[in-house]
Amino acid sequence: MVAVTLTRTFVNLVATGESVIAYTGKGRSRAYSQEGDVQRFAGGRFRAISTEGVAGSQTFVLKSVTATQLATLQLWIGQTVLVRDARGRRMFGTYFEVTYADAASNIYYDVSISVKEVTYFEG
């Protein structure tokens, strides 16, 4: 049996297939939420009112990203991307912010993107 060990995160722009590949950093967090509120009704009763569907988001930390890759990630803000992480999970989504810091080396950056999941059908 063949085993594959992934050490990198792949970010692909869905429209073109272009990709940015970087080492996977620690600190991935994933969240699911549903929009809703509690409203007051007759007789002083309170009820939960929620919308249909659950929204997912995940934060990815990319290590040792070059300046060219950073510029590419900035160009993709607001577009649909496919992200595959080192655990083999995939997520179609979009991000609206690229946060980065200088890495130990002067030529690389550590980048963080928070991807909001979108509904996407392959085919």
N, C-alpha and C. Protein backbone atom coordinates (compact mmCIF):
# COMPACT_ATOMS: atom_id res chain seq x y z
N MET A 1 0.84 -1.18 0.00
CA MET A 1 0.00 0.00 0.00
C MET A 1 0.89 1.24 0.00
N VAL A 2 0.52 2.21 -0.80
CA VAL A 2 1.29 3.44 -0.93
C VAL A 2 0.72 4.49 0.02
N ALA A 3 1.60 5.18 0.72
CA ALA A 3 1.18 6.25 1.63
C ALA A 3 1.75 7.57 1.12
N VAL A 4 0.92 8.60 1.16
CA VAL A 4 1.34 9.92 0.73
C VAL A 4 1.33 10.85 1.93
N THR A 5 2.43 11.53 2.17
CA THR A 5 2.52 12.49 3.25
C THR A 5 2.60 13.89 2.66
N LEU A 6 1.61 14.71 2.96
CA LEU A 6 1.59 16.07 2.45
C LEU A 6 2.20 17.01 3.48
N THR A 7 3.05 17.91 3.02
CA THR A 7 3.66 18.89 3.92
C THR A 7 3.33 20.31 3.51
N ARG A 8 2.56 20.46 2.44
CA ARG A 8 2.29 21.79 1.92
C ARG A 8 0.80 22.03 1.75
N THR A 9 0.46 23.31 1.64
CA THR A 9 -0.90 23.73 1.37
C THR A 9 -0.93 24.25 -0.06
N PHE A 10 -1.95 23.85 -0.80
CA PHE A 10 -2.11 24.24 -2.20
C PHE A 10 -3.30 25.18 -2.30
N VAL A 11 -3.11 26.36 -2.86
CA VAL A 11 -4.18 27.32 -3.10
C VAL A 11 -4.28 27.49 -4.61
N ASN A 12 -5.42 27.07 -5.18
CA ASN A 12 -5.64 27.14 -6.63
C ASN A 12 -6.74 28.13 -6.95
N LEU A 13 -6.50 28.99 -7.92
CA LEU A 13 -7.54 29.88 -8.42
C LEU A 13 -8.43 29.05 -9.34
N VAL A 14 -9.71 28.94 -9.01
CA VAL A 14 -10.62 28.07 -9.75
C VAL A 14 -10.75 28.50 -11.20
N ALA A 15 -10.79 29.79 -11.47
CA ALA A 15 -11.01 30.29 -12.83
C ALA A 15 -9.91 29.89 -13.80
N THR A 16 -8.67 29.81 -13.34
CA THR A 16 -7.54 29.55 -14.25
C THR A 16 -6.76 28.28 -13.93
N GLY A 17 -6.87 27.76 -12.71
CA GLY A 17 -6.09 26.60 -12.31
C GLY A 17 -4.70 26.96 -11.80
N GLU A 18 -4.35 28.25 -11.83
CA GLU A 18 -3.05 28.71 -11.33
C GLU A 18 -2.96 28.40 -9.84
N SER A 19 -1.75 28.11 -9.35
CA SER A 19 -1.64 27.73 -7.94
C SER A 19 -0.49 28.41 -7.22
N VAL A 20 -0.65 28.48 -5.91
CA VAL A 20 0.41 28.90 -4.99
C VAL A 20 0.58 27.74 -4.02
N ILE A 21 1.81 27.28 -3.86
CA ILE A 21 2.10 26.15 -2.99
C ILE A 21 3.07 26.62 -1.92
N ALA A 22 2.73 26.35 -0.65
CA ALA A 22 3.58 26.79 0.45
C ALA A 22 3.54 25.76 1.57
N TYR A 23 4.55 25.80 2.42
CA TYR A 23 4.56 24.91 3.58
C TYR A 23 3.39 25.26 4.50
N THR A 24 2.86 24.24 5.14
CA THR A 24 1.72 24.41 6.03
C THR A 24 2.20 24.84 7.40
N GLY A 25 1.65 25.95 7.88
CA GLY A 25 1.98 26.43 9.21
C GLY A 25 1.01 25.91 10.25
N LYS A 26 1.38 26.07 11.50
CA LYS A 26 0.50 25.66 12.61
C LYS A 26 -0.55 26.73 12.84
N GLY A 27 -1.59 26.36 13.52
CA GLY A 27 -2.58 27.35 13.91
C GLY A 27 -3.81 27.39 13.02
N ARG A 28 -4.09 26.29 12.29
CA ARG A 28 -5.31 26.27 11.49
C ARG A 28 -6.50 26.21 12.43
N SER A 29 -7.48 27.03 12.14
CA SER A 29 -8.71 26.97 12.91
C SER A 29 -9.87 26.92 11.95
N ARG A 30 -10.91 26.19 12.33
CA ARG A 30 -12.07 26.02 11.48
C ARG A 30 -13.31 26.38 12.29
N ALA A 31 -14.26 27.05 11.65
CA ALA A 31 -15.49 27.47 12.35
C ALA A 31 -16.69 27.29 11.44
N TYR A 32 -17.82 26.96 12.03
CA TYR A 32 -19.09 26.89 11.33
C TYR A 32 -20.08 27.75 12.08
N SER A 33 -20.89 28.50 11.33
CA SER A 33 -21.86 29.38 11.98
C SER A 33 -23.13 29.46 11.15
N GLN A 34 -24.19 29.84 11.82
CA GLN A 34 -25.48 30.05 11.18
C GLN A 34 -26.02 31.39 11.65
N GLU A 35 -26.51 32.20 10.72
CA GLU A 35 -27.05 33.49 11.10
C GLU A 35 -28.37 33.30 11.82
N GLY A 36 -28.55 34.05 12.87
CA GLY A 36 -29.79 33.95 13.63
C GLY A 36 -29.87 35.00 14.72
N ASP A 37 -31.04 35.04 15.35
CA ASP A 37 -31.29 36.01 16.40
C ASP A 37 -32.40 35.47 17.29
N VAL A 38 -32.52 36.01 18.46
CA VAL A 38 -33.63 35.68 19.36
C VAL A 38 -34.56 36.88 19.36
N GLN A 39 -35.85 36.62 19.10
CA GLN A 39 -36.84 37.69 19.02
C GLN A 39 -37.95 37.47 20.03
N ARG A 40 -38.52 38.58 20.47
CA ARG A 40 -39.61 38.54 21.44
C ARG A 40 -40.94 38.44 20.70
N PHE A 41 -41.81 37.53 21.21
CA PHE A 41 -43.13 37.34 20.63
C PHE A 41 -44.19 37.61 21.69
N ALA A 42 -45.43 37.38 21.32
CA ALA A 42 -46.57 37.66 22.21
C ALA A 42 -46.42 36.91 23.53
N GLY A 43 -46.90 37.53 24.58
CA GLY A 43 -46.86 36.90 25.90
C GLY A 43 -45.47 36.88 26.50
N GLY A 44 -44.53 37.65 25.96
CA GLY A 44 -43.18 37.71 26.50
C GLY A 44 -42.32 36.52 26.17
N ARG A 45 -42.76 35.70 25.23
CA ARG A 45 -41.97 34.52 24.85
C ARG A 45 -40.86 34.91 23.88
N PHE A 46 -39.74 34.23 24.00
CA PHE A 46 -38.60 34.45 23.10
C PHE A 46 -38.38 33.20 22.26
N ARG A 47 -38.13 33.41 20.98
CA ARG A 47 -37.91 32.30 20.06
C ARG A 47 -36.65 32.57 19.23
N ALA A 48 -35.98 31.48 18.88
CA ALA A 48 -34.81 31.59 18.00
C ALA A 48 -35.28 31.61 16.55
N ILE A 49 -34.78 32.57 15.81
CA ILE A 49 -35.05 32.69 14.39
C ILE A 49 -33.72 32.57 13.67
N SER A 50 -33.60 31.61 12.75
CA SER A 50 -32.33 31.42 12.06
C SER A 50 -32.56 31.29 10.56
N THR A 51 -31.50 31.53 9.81
CA THR A 51 -31.57 31.40 8.35
C THR A 51 -31.19 29.98 7.95
N GLU A 52 -31.51 29.63 6.74
CA GLU A 52 -31.18 28.31 6.21
C GLU A 52 -29.70 28.24 5.88
N GLY A 53 -29.07 27.11 6.15
CA GLY A 53 -27.68 26.90 5.78
C GLY A 53 -26.69 27.25 6.88
N VAL A 54 -25.53 26.62 6.79
CA VAL A 54 -24.45 26.83 7.75
C VAL A 54 -23.22 27.29 6.97
N ALA A 55 -22.61 28.38 7.42
CA ALA A 55 -21.42 28.93 6.76
C ALA A 55 -20.17 28.41 7.46
N GLY A 56 -19.20 27.99 6.65
CA GLY A 56 -17.94 27.50 7.20
C GLY A 56 -16.80 28.42 6.82
N SER A 57 -15.79 28.46 7.67
CA SER A 57 -14.59 29.23 7.37
C SER A 57 -13.39 28.53 8.00
N GLN A 58 -12.23 28.73 7.40
CA GLN A 58 -11.01 28.14 7.93
C GLN A 58 -9.86 29.08 7.69
N THR A 59 -8.99 29.20 8.68
CA THR A 59 -7.81 30.03 8.56
C THR A 59 -6.62 29.14 8.21
N PHE A 60 -5.90 29.53 7.17
CA PHE A 60 -4.72 28.79 6.72
C PHE A 60 -3.49 29.65 6.94
N VAL A 61 -2.42 29.05 7.46
CA VAL A 61 -1.14 29.73 7.63
C VAL A 61 -0.17 29.12 6.63
N LEU A 62 0.37 29.97 5.77
CA LEU A 62 1.31 29.53 4.74
C LEU A 62 2.70 30.03 5.12
N LYS A 63 3.65 29.12 5.19
CA LYS A 63 5.02 29.45 5.61
C LYS A 63 5.95 29.56 4.41
N SER A 64 6.95 30.41 4.53
CA SER A 64 8.00 30.58 3.52
C SER A 64 7.44 30.91 2.14
N VAL A 65 6.58 31.92 2.09
CA VAL A 65 5.97 32.38 0.84
C VAL A 65 6.87 33.45 0.23
N THR A 66 7.13 33.36 -1.06
CA THR A 66 7.96 34.35 -1.75
C THR A 66 7.16 35.63 -2.01
N ALA A 67 7.84 36.68 -2.37
CA ALA A 67 7.18 37.95 -2.67
C ALA A 67 6.25 37.81 -3.87
N THR A 68 6.65 37.03 -4.86
CA THR A 68 5.81 36.80 -6.04
C THR A 68 4.53 36.06 -5.66
N GLN A 69 4.66 35.03 -4.82
CA GLN A 69 3.49 34.29 -4.37
C GLN A 69 2.57 35.18 -3.54
N LEU A 70 3.15 36.02 -2.71
CA LEU A 70 2.36 36.96 -1.90
C LEU A 70 1.57 37.90 -2.80
N ALA A 71 2.20 38.43 -3.83
CA ALA A 71 1.51 39.32 -4.76
C ALA A 71 0.37 38.59 -5.47
N THR A 72 0.59 37.33 -5.81
CA THR A 72 -0.45 36.52 -6.47
C THR A 72 -1.63 36.32 -5.53
N LEU A 73 -1.37 35.99 -4.27
CA LEU A 73 -2.46 35.83 -3.30
C LEU A 73 -3.25 37.13 -3.12
N GLN A 74 -2.57 38.25 -3.17
CA GLN A 74 -3.25 39.54 -3.05
C GLN A 74 -4.14 39.79 -4.27
N LEU A 75 -3.71 39.38 -5.45
CA LEU A 75 -4.52 39.54 -6.65
C LEU A 75 -5.78 38.69 -6.62
N TRP A 76 -5.74 37.57 -5.92
CA TRP A 76 -6.87 36.65 -5.87
C TRP A 76 -7.91 37.02 -4.81
N ILE A 77 -7.72 38.09 -4.08
CA ILE A 77 -8.69 38.48 -3.05
C ILE A 77 -10.07 38.64 -3.69
N GLY A 78 -11.07 38.01 -3.08
CA GLY A 78 -12.45 38.09 -3.55
C GLY A 78 -12.81 37.11 -4.65
N GLN A 79 -11.87 36.29 -5.09
CA GLN A 79 -12.16 35.30 -6.14
C GLN A 79 -12.27 33.91 -5.53
N THR A 80 -12.92 33.00 -6.25
CA THR A 80 -13.10 31.63 -5.75
C THR A 80 -11.80 30.85 -5.89
N VAL A 81 -11.38 30.25 -4.78
CA VAL A 81 -10.16 29.43 -4.76
C VAL A 81 -10.49 28.05 -4.19
N LEU A 82 -9.64 27.10 -4.52
CA LEU A 82 -9.70 25.76 -3.93
C LEU A 82 -8.45 25.61 -3.08
N VAL A 83 -8.63 25.30 -1.80
CA VAL A 83 -7.50 25.15 -0.89
C VAL A 83 -7.45 23.69 -0.43
N ARG A 84 -6.29 23.08 -0.59
CA ARG A 84 -6.04 21.73 -0.07
C ARG A 84 -4.91 21.84 0.94
N ASP A 85 -5.16 21.32 2.13
CA ASP A 85 -4.14 21.45 3.17
C ASP A 85 -3.36 20.16 3.33
N ALA A 86 -2.45 20.16 4.29
CA ALA A 86 -1.56 19.01 4.50
C ALA A 86 -2.30 17.79 5.02
N ARG A 87 -3.52 17.94 5.48
CA ARG A 87 -4.31 16.80 5.94
C ARG A 87 -5.16 16.21 4.82
N GLY A 88 -5.07 16.80 3.63
CA GLY A 88 -5.82 16.29 2.50
C GLY A 88 -7.23 16.85 2.39
N ARG A 89 -7.59 17.77 3.26
CA ARG A 89 -8.92 18.37 3.19
C ARG A 89 -8.95 19.40 2.07
N ARG A 90 -10.10 19.58 1.46
CA ARG A 90 -10.23 20.60 0.44
C ARG A 90 -11.41 21.50 0.76
N MET A 91 -11.30 22.72 0.29
CA MET A 91 -12.34 23.71 0.59
C MET A 91 -12.41 24.72 -0.55
N PHE A 92 -13.59 24.87 -1.11
CA PHE A 92 -13.83 25.93 -2.09
C PHE A 92 -14.29 27.15 -1.32
N GLY A 93 -13.71 28.30 -1.60
CA GLY A 93 -14.11 29.49 -0.87
C GLY A 93 -13.45 30.73 -1.42
N THR A 94 -13.56 31.79 -0.67
CA THR A 94 -12.95 33.05 -1.04
C THR A 94 -12.42 33.72 0.23
N TYR A 95 -11.45 34.58 0.06
CA TYR A 95 -10.92 35.33 1.19
C TYR A 95 -10.88 36.80 0.82
N PHE A 96 -10.93 37.65 1.82
CA PHE A 96 -11.01 39.09 1.60
C PHE A 96 -9.85 39.85 2.22
N GLU A 97 -8.91 39.11 2.81
CA GLU A 97 -7.78 39.75 3.47
C GLU A 97 -6.58 38.81 3.45
N VAL A 98 -5.41 39.36 3.21
CA VAL A 98 -4.16 38.62 3.27
C VAL A 98 -3.31 39.29 4.36
N THR A 99 -3.00 38.54 5.40
CA THR A 99 -2.17 39.05 6.49
C THR A 99 -0.82 38.36 6.41
N TYR A 100 0.26 39.14 6.48
CA TYR A 100 1.58 38.52 6.38
C TYR A 100 2.57 39.20 7.32
N ALA A 101 3.62 38.44 7.63
CA ALA A 101 4.71 38.94 8.47
C ALA A 101 6.02 38.43 7.88
N ASP A 102 7.09 39.15 8.13
CA ASP A 102 8.40 38.71 7.66
C ASP A 102 8.77 37.40 8.35
N ALA A 103 9.29 36.48 7.57
CA ALA A 103 9.78 35.22 8.13
C ALA A 103 11.20 35.41 8.63
N ALA A 104 11.79 34.35 9.14
CA ALA A 104 13.15 34.45 9.67
C ALA A 104 14.14 34.90 8.59
N SER A 105 13.89 34.46 7.38
CA SER A 105 14.74 34.88 6.26
C SER A 105 14.16 36.17 5.67
N ASN A 106 15.01 37.02 5.15
CA ASN A 106 14.56 38.30 4.60
C ASN A 106 13.77 38.18 3.31
N ILE A 107 13.83 37.02 2.64
CA ILE A 107 13.17 36.90 1.34
C ILE A 107 11.84 36.16 1.39
N TYR A 108 11.43 35.68 2.56
CA TYR A 108 10.18 34.93 2.68
C TYR A 108 9.23 35.60 3.65
N TYR A 109 7.94 35.23 3.54
CA TYR A 109 6.89 35.75 4.41
C TYR A 109 6.06 34.59 4.95
N ASP A 110 5.48 34.81 6.12
CA ASP A 110 4.48 33.90 6.67
C ASP A 110 3.13 34.58 6.45
N VAL A 111 2.24 33.90 5.74
CA VAL A 111 0.98 34.49 5.30
C VAL A 111 -0.19 33.77 5.95
N SER A 112 -1.22 34.51 6.29
CA SER A 112 -2.45 33.95 6.85
C SER A 112 -3.63 34.42 6.02
N ILE A 113 -4.48 33.47 5.60
CA ILE A 113 -5.70 33.82 4.89
C ILE A 113 -6.86 33.10 5.57
N SER A 114 -7.97 33.78 5.71
CA SER A 114 -9.18 33.19 6.30
C SER A 114 -10.17 32.98 5.16
N VAL A 115 -10.35 31.74 4.78
CA VAL A 115 -11.19 31.38 3.63
C VAL A 115 -12.61 31.11 4.10
N LYS A 116 -13.57 31.81 3.48
CA LYS A 116 -14.98 31.60 3.76
C LYS A 116 -15.53 30.65 2.71
N GLU A 117 -16.10 29.54 3.16
CA GLU A 117 -16.55 28.48 2.27
C GLU A 117 -17.71 28.94 1.39
N VAL A 118 -17.68 28.55 0.11
CA VAL A 118 -18.78 28.84 -0.82
C VAL A 118 -19.27 27.51 -1.40
N THR A 119 -20.49 27.52 -1.89
CA THR A 119 -21.04 26.35 -2.54
C THR A 119 -20.48 26.30 -3.96
N TYR A 120 -19.87 25.19 -4.30
CA TYR A 120 -19.26 25.05 -5.62
C TYR A 120 -19.42 23.61 -6.06
N PHE A 121 -19.88 23.41 -7.28
CA PHE A 121 -20.06 22.08 -7.82
C PHE A 121 -19.06 21.85 -8.95
N GLU A 122 -18.29 20.79 -8.82
CA GLU A 122 -17.35 20.44 -9.88
C GLU A 122 -18.11 19.67 -10.95
N GLY A 123 -17.80 19.99 -12.19
CA GLY A 123 -18.45 19.22 -13.24
C GLY A 123 -19.02 20.03 -14.26
